[in-house]
Amino acid sequence: WLVAVHPDYGRYLAAAESHQGEMIVPQHLHEASSFLHTELLTWLTGTQLALVLRGLPLSGGATNGFAAWRTLCEEEERMDPAAQVAVLQELLHPEFESSEGGWRQGWVEWEAKLARHAPLLGSLGDAVR
């Protein structure tokens, strides 16, 4: 969805994932970085949200979305097989009614989790959804 916002986001995110060391965002990408951070705050919950919230700020107090993205990717890669099975089980057997906001909120949260764990699931067709 970010590539639809700006065609270079795919390249930016791939660079952030593979970057080693301190994440220094060039001045011309500060707006893109802050936008990414805002989107992550909007879509994430639980542990992933906590990881984003403790992210590193840019100079001038802006937020560093690319550093947050890299942290999320590293966390996802560290998931052990038992945790992967638990996530897969949760995603394949959603309980929409148990959400505080009702079934619609539960469905929205499930869709966000599907997007977040897409590599774990592979291709999940509409028939399964």
Foldseek 3Di string as FASTA:
>chain_A
DVCVVPVCVVVLLVCLQPDDDDDADDPVCLVVQLVLLVVQCVLDDDPLNVLSVVADAYPPRRGGNSPSSNSLSVVLVPDDPVNLVVLVVCLLDPDQQVDPVGNVVSVSNSVSSCVSCVVSVPDDDPVSD
